[in-house]
N, C-alpha and C. Protein backbone atom coordinates (compact mmCIF):
# COMPACT_ATOMS: atom_id res chain seq x y z
N MET A 1 -26.96 -47.16 -71.33
CA MET A 1 -26.27 -46.02 -71.93
C MET A 1 -26.66 -44.69 -71.26
N ALA A 2 -27.67 -44.74 -70.40
CA ALA A 2 -28.12 -43.51 -69.74
C ALA A 2 -26.99 -42.90 -68.91
N ASP A 3 -26.22 -43.75 -68.22
CA ASP A 3 -25.11 -43.24 -67.40
C ASP A 3 -24.01 -42.65 -68.28
N VAL A 4 -23.80 -43.26 -69.45
CA VAL A 4 -22.78 -42.74 -70.38
C VAL A 4 -23.21 -41.36 -70.88
N ARG A 5 -24.49 -41.22 -71.20
CA ARG A 5 -25.01 -39.94 -71.70
C ARG A 5 -24.77 -38.81 -70.70
N LYS A 6 -24.89 -39.13 -69.41
CA LYS A 6 -24.75 -38.10 -68.37
C LYS A 6 -23.32 -37.55 -68.28
N VAL A 7 -22.33 -38.38 -68.58
CA VAL A 7 -20.94 -37.99 -68.28
C VAL A 7 -20.04 -37.79 -69.50
N VAL A 8 -20.52 -38.11 -70.69
CA VAL A 8 -19.70 -37.96 -71.90
C VAL A 8 -20.34 -36.93 -72.83
N ASP A 9 -19.57 -35.94 -73.23
CA ASP A 9 -20.05 -34.95 -74.20
C ASP A 9 -19.65 -35.41 -75.60
N PHE A 10 -20.61 -35.96 -76.33
CA PHE A 10 -20.32 -36.44 -77.68
C PHE A 10 -20.30 -35.28 -78.66
N LYS A 11 -19.34 -35.33 -79.58
CA LYS A 11 -19.21 -34.26 -80.59
C LYS A 11 -20.44 -34.20 -81.49
N ASP A 12 -21.02 -35.37 -81.74
CA ASP A 12 -22.26 -35.45 -82.50
C ASP A 12 -23.39 -35.68 -81.50
N PRO A 13 -24.05 -34.60 -81.03
CA PRO A 13 -25.05 -34.74 -79.96
C PRO A 13 -26.27 -35.57 -80.37
N VAL A 14 -26.51 -35.71 -81.67
CA VAL A 14 -27.70 -36.44 -82.14
C VAL A 14 -27.43 -37.94 -82.22
N ASN A 15 -26.32 -38.31 -82.89
CA ASN A 15 -26.05 -39.72 -83.16
C ASN A 15 -24.87 -40.31 -82.38
N GLY A 16 -24.13 -39.46 -81.67
CA GLY A 16 -22.90 -39.92 -81.00
C GLY A 16 -23.15 -41.05 -80.02
N LEU A 17 -24.15 -40.91 -79.19
CA LEU A 17 -24.43 -41.94 -78.18
C LEU A 17 -24.84 -43.25 -78.83
N THR A 18 -25.67 -43.17 -79.87
CA THR A 18 -26.14 -44.39 -80.55
C THR A 18 -24.98 -45.12 -81.22
N LYS A 19 -24.11 -44.35 -81.89
CA LYS A 19 -22.94 -44.97 -82.55
C LYS A 19 -22.03 -45.63 -81.54
N PHE A 20 -21.83 -44.96 -80.41
CA PHE A 20 -20.95 -45.53 -79.38
C PHE A 20 -21.59 -46.79 -78.78
N GLY A 21 -22.91 -46.76 -78.58
CA GLY A 21 -23.61 -47.94 -78.07
C GLY A 21 -23.46 -49.13 -79.01
N ASN A 22 -23.54 -48.86 -80.33
CA ASN A 22 -23.37 -49.94 -81.32
C ASN A 22 -21.94 -50.48 -81.28
N LYS A 23 -20.99 -49.58 -81.06
CA LYS A 23 -19.58 -50.01 -80.98
C LYS A 23 -19.38 -50.94 -79.77
N LEU A 24 -20.03 -50.60 -78.66
CA LEU A 24 -19.92 -51.45 -77.47
C LEU A 24 -20.54 -52.82 -77.73
N LYS A 25 -21.64 -52.86 -78.47
CA LYS A 25 -22.26 -54.16 -78.83
C LYS A 25 -21.30 -54.99 -79.66
N ASP A 26 -20.62 -54.33 -80.63
CA ASP A 26 -19.65 -55.04 -81.46
C ASP A 26 -18.49 -55.57 -80.60
N MET A 27 -18.02 -54.74 -79.66
CA MET A 27 -16.91 -55.14 -78.80
C MET A 27 -17.29 -56.31 -77.90
N SER A 28 -18.56 -56.35 -77.50
CA SER A 28 -19.01 -57.42 -76.59
C SER A 28 -18.99 -58.79 -77.27
N ARG A 29 -18.88 -58.80 -78.61
CA ARG A 29 -18.82 -60.09 -79.33
C ARG A 29 -17.42 -60.71 -79.24
N THR A 30 -16.41 -59.88 -78.95
CA THR A 30 -15.04 -60.41 -78.85
C THR A 30 -14.48 -60.33 -77.43
N ILE A 31 -15.13 -59.54 -76.57
CA ILE A 31 -14.71 -59.41 -75.17
C ILE A 31 -15.75 -60.12 -74.31
N PRO A 32 -15.34 -60.98 -73.38
CA PRO A 32 -16.32 -61.74 -72.58
C PRO A 32 -17.00 -60.92 -71.49
N ILE A 33 -17.49 -59.74 -71.87
CA ILE A 33 -18.28 -58.88 -70.98
C ILE A 33 -19.44 -58.36 -71.80
N SER A 34 -20.62 -58.29 -71.20
CA SER A 34 -21.80 -57.82 -71.93
C SER A 34 -21.66 -56.35 -72.33
N ALA A 35 -22.47 -55.93 -73.30
CA ALA A 35 -22.46 -54.52 -73.71
C ALA A 35 -22.81 -53.62 -72.52
N ALA A 36 -23.70 -54.10 -71.66
CA ALA A 36 -24.07 -53.32 -70.46
C ALA A 36 -22.87 -53.15 -69.53
N GLY A 37 -22.08 -54.21 -69.41
CA GLY A 37 -20.87 -54.14 -68.58
C GLY A 37 -19.85 -53.18 -69.17
N LEU A 38 -19.71 -53.21 -70.50
CA LEU A 38 -18.79 -52.29 -71.18
C LEU A 38 -19.26 -50.85 -71.02
N ALA A 39 -20.58 -50.66 -71.02
CA ALA A 39 -21.14 -49.31 -70.82
C ALA A 39 -20.83 -48.81 -69.41
N GLN A 40 -20.80 -49.71 -68.42
CA GLN A 40 -20.43 -49.33 -67.06
C GLN A 40 -18.99 -48.82 -67.02
N ILE A 41 -18.12 -49.51 -67.75
CA ILE A 41 -16.71 -49.09 -67.82
C ILE A 41 -16.61 -47.71 -68.47
N ALA A 42 -17.33 -47.53 -69.57
CA ALA A 42 -17.32 -46.25 -70.29
C ALA A 42 -17.82 -45.12 -69.40
N ALA A 43 -18.88 -45.40 -68.63
CA ALA A 43 -19.44 -44.38 -67.74
C ALA A 43 -18.45 -44.00 -66.65
N ALA A 44 -17.74 -45.01 -66.10
CA ALA A 44 -16.73 -44.74 -65.07
C ALA A 44 -15.61 -43.88 -65.65
N GLY A 45 -15.20 -44.19 -66.88
CA GLY A 45 -14.15 -43.41 -67.54
C GLY A 45 -14.61 -41.99 -67.83
N GLY A 46 -15.82 -41.85 -68.35
CA GLY A 46 -16.36 -40.53 -68.66
C GLY A 46 -16.49 -39.66 -67.42
N GLN A 47 -16.90 -40.27 -66.33
CA GLN A 47 -17.08 -39.53 -65.07
C GLN A 47 -15.75 -38.98 -64.56
N LEU A 48 -14.66 -39.69 -64.87
CA LEU A 48 -13.34 -39.26 -64.40
C LEU A 48 -12.54 -38.55 -65.49
N GLY A 49 -13.24 -38.13 -66.55
CA GLY A 49 -12.61 -37.23 -67.51
C GLY A 49 -12.01 -37.84 -68.76
N VAL A 50 -12.25 -39.12 -69.03
CA VAL A 50 -11.73 -39.72 -70.27
C VAL A 50 -12.51 -39.14 -71.45
N ALA A 51 -11.80 -38.62 -72.44
CA ALA A 51 -12.43 -37.96 -73.59
C ALA A 51 -13.10 -38.98 -74.52
N GLU A 52 -14.05 -38.50 -75.31
CA GLU A 52 -14.81 -39.38 -76.22
C GLU A 52 -13.91 -40.21 -77.11
N GLU A 53 -12.90 -39.56 -77.72
CA GLU A 53 -12.03 -40.28 -78.67
C GLU A 53 -11.17 -41.35 -78.00
N ALA A 54 -10.94 -41.21 -76.68
CA ALA A 54 -10.12 -42.19 -75.96
C ALA A 54 -10.95 -43.31 -75.33
N LEU A 55 -12.27 -43.15 -75.35
CA LEU A 55 -13.13 -44.12 -74.65
C LEU A 55 -13.05 -45.55 -75.20
N PRO A 56 -13.07 -45.76 -76.54
CA PRO A 56 -13.00 -47.15 -77.02
C PRO A 56 -11.75 -47.89 -76.52
N GLN A 57 -10.59 -47.24 -76.61
CA GLN A 57 -9.34 -47.84 -76.11
C GLN A 57 -9.42 -48.07 -74.60
N PHE A 58 -9.99 -47.09 -73.91
CA PHE A 58 -10.14 -47.19 -72.45
C PHE A 58 -11.02 -48.39 -72.09
N VAL A 59 -12.14 -48.52 -72.77
CA VAL A 59 -13.06 -49.63 -72.49
C VAL A 59 -12.39 -50.97 -72.77
N GLU A 60 -11.67 -51.05 -73.87
CA GLU A 60 -11.00 -52.30 -74.23
C GLU A 60 -9.97 -52.70 -73.18
N THR A 61 -9.12 -51.76 -72.78
CA THR A 61 -8.06 -52.06 -71.80
C THR A 61 -8.65 -52.39 -70.44
N ALA A 62 -9.62 -51.58 -70.00
CA ALA A 62 -10.24 -51.82 -68.69
C ALA A 62 -10.99 -53.14 -68.66
N SER A 63 -11.62 -53.50 -69.77
CA SER A 63 -12.36 -54.78 -69.82
C SER A 63 -11.39 -55.96 -69.73
N GLN A 64 -10.23 -55.81 -70.37
CA GLN A 64 -9.21 -56.87 -70.27
C GLN A 64 -8.75 -57.03 -68.82
N MET A 65 -8.58 -55.88 -68.13
CA MET A 65 -8.19 -55.93 -66.72
C MET A 65 -9.28 -56.57 -65.88
N ALA A 66 -10.53 -56.23 -66.17
CA ALA A 66 -11.66 -56.78 -65.41
C ALA A 66 -11.69 -58.31 -65.52
N VAL A 67 -11.48 -58.81 -66.73
CA VAL A 67 -11.51 -60.25 -66.96
C VAL A 67 -10.28 -60.92 -66.34
N ALA A 68 -9.09 -60.36 -66.60
CA ALA A 68 -7.85 -60.97 -66.12
C ALA A 68 -7.75 -60.95 -64.60
N PHE A 69 -8.23 -59.85 -63.97
CA PHE A 69 -8.07 -59.70 -62.53
C PHE A 69 -9.32 -60.10 -61.74
N ASP A 70 -10.37 -60.53 -62.47
CA ASP A 70 -11.61 -60.98 -61.83
C ASP A 70 -12.21 -59.90 -60.94
N ILE A 71 -12.37 -58.69 -61.52
CA ILE A 71 -13.03 -57.60 -60.81
C ILE A 71 -14.21 -57.09 -61.63
N MET A 72 -15.11 -56.39 -60.98
CA MET A 72 -16.32 -55.91 -61.66
C MET A 72 -15.95 -54.87 -62.72
N PRO A 73 -16.68 -54.85 -63.84
CA PRO A 73 -16.36 -53.91 -64.92
C PRO A 73 -16.28 -52.45 -64.49
N ASP A 74 -17.28 -52.00 -63.70
CA ASP A 74 -17.27 -50.59 -63.30
C ASP A 74 -16.10 -50.28 -62.38
N GLN A 75 -15.71 -51.26 -61.55
CA GLN A 75 -14.55 -51.08 -60.66
C GLN A 75 -13.27 -50.98 -61.48
N ALA A 76 -13.17 -51.83 -62.51
CA ALA A 76 -11.98 -51.80 -63.38
C ALA A 76 -11.89 -50.44 -64.08
N GLY A 77 -13.03 -49.95 -64.57
CA GLY A 77 -13.04 -48.66 -65.25
C GLY A 77 -12.65 -47.53 -64.32
N GLU A 78 -13.22 -47.53 -63.13
CA GLU A 78 -12.93 -46.46 -62.17
C GLU A 78 -11.46 -46.48 -61.74
N SER A 79 -10.95 -47.69 -61.44
CA SER A 79 -9.56 -47.82 -61.01
C SER A 79 -8.60 -47.38 -62.10
N MET A 80 -8.87 -47.81 -63.33
CA MET A 80 -7.96 -47.47 -64.43
C MET A 80 -7.95 -45.98 -64.69
N ALA A 81 -9.12 -45.35 -64.66
CA ALA A 81 -9.18 -43.91 -64.89
C ALA A 81 -8.45 -43.15 -63.79
N LYS A 82 -8.63 -43.57 -62.54
CA LYS A 82 -7.96 -42.90 -61.42
C LYS A 82 -6.45 -43.04 -61.53
N LEU A 83 -5.98 -44.25 -61.84
CA LEU A 83 -4.54 -44.49 -61.93
C LEU A 83 -3.93 -43.73 -63.10
N SER A 84 -4.68 -43.65 -64.20
CA SER A 84 -4.22 -42.87 -65.35
C SER A 84 -4.04 -41.41 -64.96
N ASN A 85 -5.00 -40.87 -64.20
CA ASN A 85 -4.93 -39.48 -63.75
C ASN A 85 -3.82 -39.25 -62.73
N ILE A 86 -3.71 -40.15 -61.76
CA ILE A 86 -2.73 -39.99 -60.67
C ILE A 86 -1.30 -40.01 -61.22
N PHE A 87 -1.02 -41.02 -62.04
CA PHE A 87 0.36 -41.20 -62.50
C PHE A 87 0.64 -40.56 -63.86
N GLY A 88 -0.39 -39.94 -64.45
CA GLY A 88 -0.19 -39.29 -65.74
C GLY A 88 0.13 -40.27 -66.86
N ILE A 89 -0.48 -41.45 -66.80
CA ILE A 89 -0.24 -42.48 -67.82
C ILE A 89 -1.30 -42.35 -68.91
N PRO A 90 -0.91 -42.18 -70.17
CA PRO A 90 -1.91 -42.13 -71.24
C PRO A 90 -2.72 -43.43 -71.28
N ILE A 91 -3.98 -43.33 -71.65
CA ILE A 91 -4.85 -44.51 -71.73
C ILE A 91 -4.23 -45.58 -72.62
N THR A 92 -3.57 -45.15 -73.70
CA THR A 92 -2.97 -46.10 -74.65
C THR A 92 -1.84 -46.90 -74.04
N GLU A 93 -1.29 -46.44 -72.90
CA GLU A 93 -0.16 -47.15 -72.28
C GLU A 93 -0.54 -47.86 -70.98
N MET A 94 -1.82 -47.83 -70.64
CA MET A 94 -2.25 -48.46 -69.39
C MET A 94 -2.08 -49.97 -69.41
N SER A 95 -2.04 -50.56 -70.61
CA SER A 95 -1.88 -52.02 -70.68
C SER A 95 -0.53 -52.46 -70.11
N LYS A 96 0.48 -51.56 -70.13
CA LYS A 96 1.79 -51.89 -69.56
C LYS A 96 1.68 -52.09 -68.05
N LEU A 97 0.89 -51.22 -67.41
CA LEU A 97 0.66 -51.39 -65.97
C LEU A 97 -0.11 -52.68 -65.73
N GLY A 98 -1.07 -52.97 -66.60
CA GLY A 98 -1.81 -54.23 -66.49
C GLY A 98 -0.90 -55.44 -66.57
N ASP A 99 0.07 -55.38 -67.47
CA ASP A 99 1.05 -56.48 -67.61
C ASP A 99 1.88 -56.63 -66.33
N ALA A 100 2.28 -55.48 -65.75
CA ALA A 100 3.07 -55.52 -64.51
C ALA A 100 2.27 -56.13 -63.37
N LEU A 101 0.99 -55.74 -63.27
CA LEU A 101 0.11 -56.29 -62.23
C LEU A 101 -0.07 -57.79 -62.41
N ASN A 102 -0.23 -58.20 -63.65
CA ASN A 102 -0.37 -59.61 -63.98
C ASN A 102 0.86 -60.40 -63.55
N HIS A 103 2.04 -59.84 -63.86
CA HIS A 103 3.32 -60.49 -63.52
C HIS A 103 3.45 -60.64 -62.00
N LEU A 104 3.14 -59.56 -61.27
CA LEU A 104 3.24 -59.62 -59.81
C LEU A 104 2.27 -60.66 -59.25
N SER A 105 1.05 -60.66 -59.76
CA SER A 105 0.04 -61.60 -59.29
C SER A 105 0.43 -63.04 -59.55
N ASP A 106 1.04 -63.28 -60.71
CA ASP A 106 1.44 -64.65 -61.09
C ASP A 106 2.62 -65.17 -60.28
N ASN A 107 3.43 -64.24 -59.74
CA ASN A 107 4.69 -64.65 -59.12
C ASN A 107 4.77 -64.41 -57.61
N THR A 108 3.68 -63.93 -57.01
CA THR A 108 3.67 -63.71 -55.57
C THR A 108 2.34 -64.19 -54.99
N ALA A 109 2.19 -64.01 -53.67
CA ALA A 109 0.97 -64.48 -53.00
C ALA A 109 -0.17 -63.47 -53.07
N ALA A 110 0.04 -62.35 -53.77
CA ALA A 110 -1.00 -61.31 -53.85
C ALA A 110 -1.83 -61.47 -55.12
N LYS A 111 -3.12 -61.17 -55.02
CA LYS A 111 -3.98 -61.17 -56.21
C LYS A 111 -3.91 -59.79 -56.88
N ALA A 112 -4.06 -59.78 -58.20
CA ALA A 112 -4.02 -58.52 -58.94
C ALA A 112 -5.09 -57.55 -58.45
N SER A 113 -6.27 -58.07 -58.14
CA SER A 113 -7.36 -57.20 -57.68
C SER A 113 -6.99 -56.51 -56.36
N GLU A 114 -6.24 -57.21 -55.50
CA GLU A 114 -5.81 -56.62 -54.23
C GLU A 114 -4.77 -55.52 -54.47
N ILE A 115 -3.86 -55.77 -55.41
CA ILE A 115 -2.83 -54.77 -55.72
C ILE A 115 -3.48 -53.53 -56.31
N VAL A 116 -4.47 -53.73 -57.18
CA VAL A 116 -5.19 -52.59 -57.77
C VAL A 116 -5.82 -51.74 -56.66
N GLU A 117 -6.42 -52.39 -55.68
CA GLU A 117 -7.05 -51.65 -54.57
C GLU A 117 -6.02 -50.83 -53.80
N VAL A 118 -4.86 -51.43 -53.55
CA VAL A 118 -3.81 -50.73 -52.80
C VAL A 118 -3.30 -49.52 -53.56
N ILE A 119 -2.96 -49.70 -54.84
CA ILE A 119 -2.35 -48.58 -55.57
C ILE A 119 -3.37 -47.49 -55.89
N THR A 120 -4.65 -47.85 -55.95
CA THR A 120 -5.68 -46.81 -56.12
C THR A 120 -5.76 -45.95 -54.86
N ARG A 121 -5.64 -46.60 -53.70
CA ARG A 121 -5.71 -45.88 -52.42
C ARG A 121 -4.42 -45.10 -52.12
N ALA A 122 -3.27 -45.70 -52.47
CA ALA A 122 -1.98 -45.12 -52.07
C ALA A 122 -1.23 -44.46 -53.23
N GLY A 123 -1.87 -44.39 -54.40
CA GLY A 123 -1.19 -43.88 -55.59
C GLY A 123 -0.71 -42.45 -55.48
N ALA A 124 -1.55 -41.57 -54.95
CA ALA A 124 -1.19 -40.14 -54.90
C ALA A 124 0.04 -39.89 -54.02
N PRO A 125 0.09 -40.42 -52.77
CA PRO A 125 1.30 -40.24 -51.96
C PRO A 125 2.54 -40.87 -52.60
N ALA A 126 2.35 -42.03 -53.25
CA ALA A 126 3.48 -42.70 -53.90
C ALA A 126 4.02 -41.87 -55.06
N LYS A 127 3.11 -41.29 -55.85
CA LYS A 127 3.53 -40.42 -56.95
C LYS A 127 4.26 -39.20 -56.40
N ASP A 128 3.74 -38.62 -55.32
CA ASP A 128 4.36 -37.47 -54.69
C ASP A 128 5.76 -37.83 -54.17
N PHE A 129 5.91 -39.06 -53.70
CA PHE A 129 7.20 -39.54 -53.20
C PHE A 129 8.21 -39.69 -54.34
N GLY A 130 7.68 -40.02 -55.54
CA GLY A 130 8.55 -40.19 -56.69
C GLY A 130 8.54 -41.58 -57.30
N LEU A 131 7.62 -42.43 -56.86
CA LEU A 131 7.53 -43.78 -57.38
C LEU A 131 6.67 -43.82 -58.64
N SER A 132 7.01 -44.71 -59.56
CA SER A 132 6.18 -44.94 -60.74
C SER A 132 5.02 -45.84 -60.35
N ALA A 133 4.07 -46.00 -61.27
CA ALA A 133 2.92 -46.87 -61.00
C ALA A 133 3.37 -48.30 -60.76
N GLU A 134 4.34 -48.77 -61.57
CA GLU A 134 4.84 -50.15 -61.43
C GLU A 134 5.55 -50.34 -60.10
N GLN A 135 6.35 -49.34 -59.69
CA GLN A 135 7.06 -49.42 -58.41
C GLN A 135 6.07 -49.41 -57.24
N THR A 136 5.03 -48.60 -57.37
CA THR A 136 3.99 -48.55 -56.34
C THR A 136 3.28 -49.91 -56.24
N ALA A 137 3.01 -50.51 -57.40
CA ALA A 137 2.37 -51.82 -57.43
C ALA A 137 3.25 -52.87 -56.75
N ALA A 138 4.55 -52.81 -57.00
CA ALA A 138 5.48 -53.77 -56.39
C ALA A 138 5.53 -53.62 -54.88
N LEU A 139 5.52 -52.36 -54.40
CA LEU A 139 5.54 -52.12 -52.96
C LEU A 139 4.23 -52.61 -52.32
N GLY A 140 3.11 -52.30 -52.97
CA GLY A 140 1.81 -52.76 -52.47
C GLY A 140 1.74 -54.29 -52.45
N ASP A 141 2.26 -54.90 -53.49
CA ASP A 141 2.30 -56.36 -53.59
C ASP A 141 3.09 -56.96 -52.42
N THR A 142 4.19 -56.29 -52.06
CA THR A 142 5.03 -56.77 -50.96
C THR A 142 4.27 -56.80 -49.64
N PHE A 143 3.54 -55.71 -49.36
CA PHE A 143 2.76 -55.65 -48.12
C PHE A 143 1.69 -56.74 -48.11
N ILE A 144 1.01 -56.92 -49.24
CA ILE A 144 -0.06 -57.93 -49.30
C ILE A 144 0.51 -59.34 -49.16
N ALA A 145 1.64 -59.57 -49.81
CA ALA A 145 2.28 -60.89 -49.74
C ALA A 145 2.73 -61.22 -48.32
N LEU A 146 2.91 -60.18 -47.50
CA LEU A 146 3.28 -60.38 -46.10
C LEU A 146 2.05 -60.62 -45.22
N GLY A 147 0.86 -60.65 -45.84
CA GLY A 147 -0.36 -60.99 -45.11
C GLY A 147 -1.25 -59.82 -44.73
N LYS A 148 -0.98 -58.64 -45.29
CA LYS A 148 -1.80 -57.47 -44.96
C LYS A 148 -2.99 -57.35 -45.92
N ARG A 149 -4.14 -56.91 -45.40
CA ARG A 149 -5.29 -56.63 -46.25
C ARG A 149 -4.99 -55.37 -47.07
N PRO A 150 -5.60 -55.23 -48.26
CA PRO A 150 -5.32 -54.07 -49.12
C PRO A 150 -5.47 -52.72 -48.41
N GLN A 151 -6.52 -52.57 -47.61
CA GLN A 151 -6.73 -51.29 -46.92
C GLN A 151 -5.60 -51.01 -45.93
N VAL A 152 -5.19 -52.04 -45.20
CA VAL A 152 -4.11 -51.91 -44.21
C VAL A 152 -2.78 -51.64 -44.93
N ALA A 153 -2.57 -52.36 -46.04
CA ALA A 153 -1.34 -52.17 -46.82
C ALA A 153 -1.24 -50.74 -47.34
N ALA A 154 -2.34 -50.21 -47.84
CA ALA A 154 -2.35 -48.85 -48.37
C ALA A 154 -2.07 -47.83 -47.27
N THR A 155 -2.67 -48.03 -46.10
CA THR A 155 -2.45 -47.12 -44.97
C THR A 155 -0.99 -47.17 -44.53
N ALA A 156 -0.43 -48.37 -44.49
CA ALA A 156 0.97 -48.53 -44.10
C ALA A 156 1.91 -47.86 -45.11
N MET A 157 1.62 -48.04 -46.39
CA MET A 157 2.43 -47.40 -47.43
C MET A 157 2.38 -45.89 -47.32
N ASN A 158 1.16 -45.36 -47.15
CA ASN A 158 1.00 -43.91 -47.02
C ASN A 158 1.82 -43.37 -45.85
N ALA A 159 1.75 -44.07 -44.70
CA ALA A 159 2.48 -43.62 -43.51
C ALA A 159 3.99 -43.68 -43.74
N LEU A 160 4.47 -44.78 -44.30
CA LEU A 160 5.90 -44.95 -44.55
C LEU A 160 6.44 -43.87 -45.48
N LEU A 161 5.78 -43.68 -46.60
CA LEU A 161 6.26 -42.73 -47.61
C LEU A 161 6.16 -41.28 -47.12
N LEU A 162 5.09 -40.98 -46.38
CA LEU A 162 4.92 -39.63 -45.85
C LEU A 162 6.01 -39.30 -44.83
N LYS A 163 6.27 -40.25 -43.93
CA LYS A 163 7.32 -40.04 -42.91
C LYS A 163 8.69 -39.86 -43.56
N MET A 164 8.98 -40.68 -44.55
CA MET A 164 10.28 -40.57 -45.23
C MET A 164 10.39 -39.26 -45.99
N ASN A 165 9.30 -38.87 -46.63
CA ASN A 165 9.30 -37.67 -47.47
C ASN A 165 9.41 -36.39 -46.64
N THR A 166 9.03 -36.48 -45.36
CA THR A 166 9.10 -35.32 -44.47
C THR A 166 10.05 -35.61 -43.31
N ALA A 167 11.10 -36.38 -43.57
CA ALA A 167 12.03 -36.81 -42.53
C ALA A 167 12.64 -35.63 -41.78
N ASP A 168 12.93 -34.54 -42.50
CA ASP A 168 13.57 -33.38 -41.86
C ASP A 168 12.60 -32.59 -40.98
N LYS A 169 11.32 -32.91 -41.05
CA LYS A 169 10.32 -32.18 -40.26
C LYS A 169 9.78 -33.03 -39.10
N GLN A 170 10.27 -34.26 -38.96
CA GLN A 170 9.80 -35.14 -37.89
C GLN A 170 10.46 -34.80 -36.56
N GLY A 171 9.90 -35.33 -35.47
CA GLY A 171 10.35 -34.99 -34.13
C GLY A 171 11.67 -35.63 -33.73
N ALA A 172 12.07 -35.36 -32.48
CA ALA A 172 13.37 -35.79 -31.96
C ALA A 172 13.49 -37.32 -31.93
N LYS A 173 12.39 -38.01 -31.56
CA LYS A 173 12.43 -39.48 -31.49
C LYS A 173 12.71 -40.08 -32.88
N PHE A 174 12.05 -39.50 -33.89
CA PHE A 174 12.25 -39.96 -35.27
C PHE A 174 13.70 -39.72 -35.71
N GLN A 175 14.22 -38.52 -35.40
CA GLN A 175 15.60 -38.19 -35.78
C GLN A 175 16.60 -39.12 -35.10
N ALA A 176 16.31 -39.46 -33.83
CA ALA A 176 17.19 -40.38 -33.09
C ALA A 176 17.20 -41.75 -33.74
N GLY A 177 16.00 -42.17 -34.21
CA GLY A 177 15.90 -43.46 -34.91
C GLY A 177 16.72 -43.47 -36.19
N LEU A 178 16.65 -42.37 -36.95
CA LEU A 178 17.45 -42.26 -38.17
C LEU A 178 18.93 -42.31 -37.85
N SER A 179 19.34 -41.58 -36.82
CA SER A 179 20.76 -41.53 -36.44
C SER A 179 21.26 -42.92 -36.06
N ALA A 180 20.39 -43.68 -35.38
CA ALA A 180 20.78 -45.05 -35.00
C ALA A 180 21.04 -45.92 -36.23
N LEU A 181 20.37 -45.56 -37.34
CA LEU A 181 20.58 -46.30 -38.59
C LEU A 181 21.73 -45.71 -39.41
N GLY A 182 22.30 -44.63 -38.90
CA GLY A 182 23.39 -43.98 -39.62
C GLY A 182 22.89 -43.13 -40.78
N ILE A 183 21.68 -42.58 -40.64
CA ILE A 183 21.07 -41.79 -41.71
C ILE A 183 20.79 -40.38 -41.20
N GLU A 184 21.09 -39.39 -42.02
CA GLU A 184 20.73 -38.01 -41.72
C GLU A 184 19.48 -37.64 -42.51
N ALA A 185 18.56 -36.92 -41.88
CA ALA A 185 17.28 -36.59 -42.51
C ALA A 185 17.46 -35.84 -43.83
N THR A 186 18.38 -34.86 -43.83
CA THR A 186 18.58 -34.08 -45.06
C THR A 186 19.16 -34.94 -46.18
N GLU A 187 20.03 -35.87 -45.82
CA GLU A 187 20.60 -36.80 -46.82
C GLU A 187 19.51 -37.70 -47.39
N LEU A 188 18.61 -38.14 -46.52
CA LEU A 188 17.50 -38.99 -46.97
C LEU A 188 16.61 -38.23 -47.94
N LYS A 189 16.29 -36.98 -47.60
CA LYS A 189 15.47 -36.15 -48.49
C LYS A 189 16.12 -35.99 -49.86
N ASP A 190 17.42 -35.72 -49.86
CA ASP A 190 18.16 -35.55 -51.13
C ASP A 190 18.17 -36.85 -51.93
N ALA A 191 18.34 -37.97 -51.23
CA ALA A 191 18.37 -39.27 -51.90
C ALA A 191 17.02 -39.58 -52.54
N ILE A 192 15.93 -39.24 -51.85
CA ILE A 192 14.59 -39.46 -52.39
C ILE A 192 14.38 -38.62 -53.64
N LYS A 193 14.87 -37.39 -53.58
CA LYS A 193 14.72 -36.48 -54.72
C LYS A 193 15.48 -37.00 -55.94
N ASP A 194 16.65 -37.59 -55.70
CA ASP A 194 17.48 -38.10 -56.80
C ASP A 194 16.97 -39.42 -57.36
N ASP A 195 16.56 -40.33 -56.46
CA ASP A 195 16.13 -41.67 -56.88
C ASP A 195 15.22 -42.25 -55.80
N ALA A 196 13.93 -42.01 -55.94
CA ALA A 196 12.97 -42.39 -54.90
C ALA A 196 13.00 -43.88 -54.60
N GLN A 197 12.96 -44.70 -55.65
CA GLN A 197 12.96 -46.15 -55.45
C GLN A 197 14.26 -46.61 -54.80
N GLY A 198 15.38 -46.08 -55.27
CA GLY A 198 16.69 -46.45 -54.70
C GLY A 198 16.78 -46.05 -53.23
N ALA A 199 16.29 -44.85 -52.91
CA ALA A 199 16.32 -44.38 -51.52
C ALA A 199 15.46 -45.26 -50.63
N LEU A 200 14.30 -45.68 -51.13
CA LEU A 200 13.40 -46.52 -50.36
C LEU A 200 14.04 -47.89 -50.07
N VAL A 201 14.60 -48.49 -51.12
CA VAL A 201 15.25 -49.80 -50.95
C VAL A 201 16.42 -49.71 -49.99
N SER A 202 17.23 -48.66 -50.14
CA SER A 202 18.39 -48.45 -49.26
C SER A 202 17.95 -48.28 -47.81
N PHE A 203 16.89 -47.50 -47.61
CA PHE A 203 16.37 -47.27 -46.26
C PHE A 203 15.90 -48.59 -45.64
N LEU A 204 15.16 -49.39 -46.41
CA LEU A 204 14.64 -50.65 -45.88
C LEU A 204 15.78 -51.63 -45.59
N GLU A 205 16.79 -51.63 -46.44
CA GLU A 205 17.95 -52.51 -46.16
C GLU A 205 18.64 -52.11 -44.87
């Protein structure tokens, strides 16, 4: 609990930490992660700005992800907090993203833990492009299913989305490539603004 104390400001400075520690012990009886593991998740959430009142829900959801995706508790906590911040997803709705990751993992050659790594790395550019967390996960899953490592997949996604998002600012060779596809840079920019996912699919087709 020492790490939790460092990063969470409890409203009750005397008993807040003790009460929260007892809550984690109770949760460890129904979640297959030790109280120490749950405390790691809480510390990761607190470090990235999860408020005291949201921590129990955060710990529960992140622990479910850790178990389902076979990743370390602190990694699950850190990834979930980052994704919540990047995509502006309330902690209470993060389980929907978990369900989407589970579905992708069950139906493709990519593991959920690999997809989590990709979207944590590539989430900010994808959000800037206009993709939702689920759409970003699907794109990351596609790269991984094609045999790319998570780090390579994330780098490729970042490059693709950045080039498309700045199509009107790219050089002559890039513009010639677009013209060969029958695409104008300004039209592509407008299409991305109107429907990012639709523009991406259309471009790839």
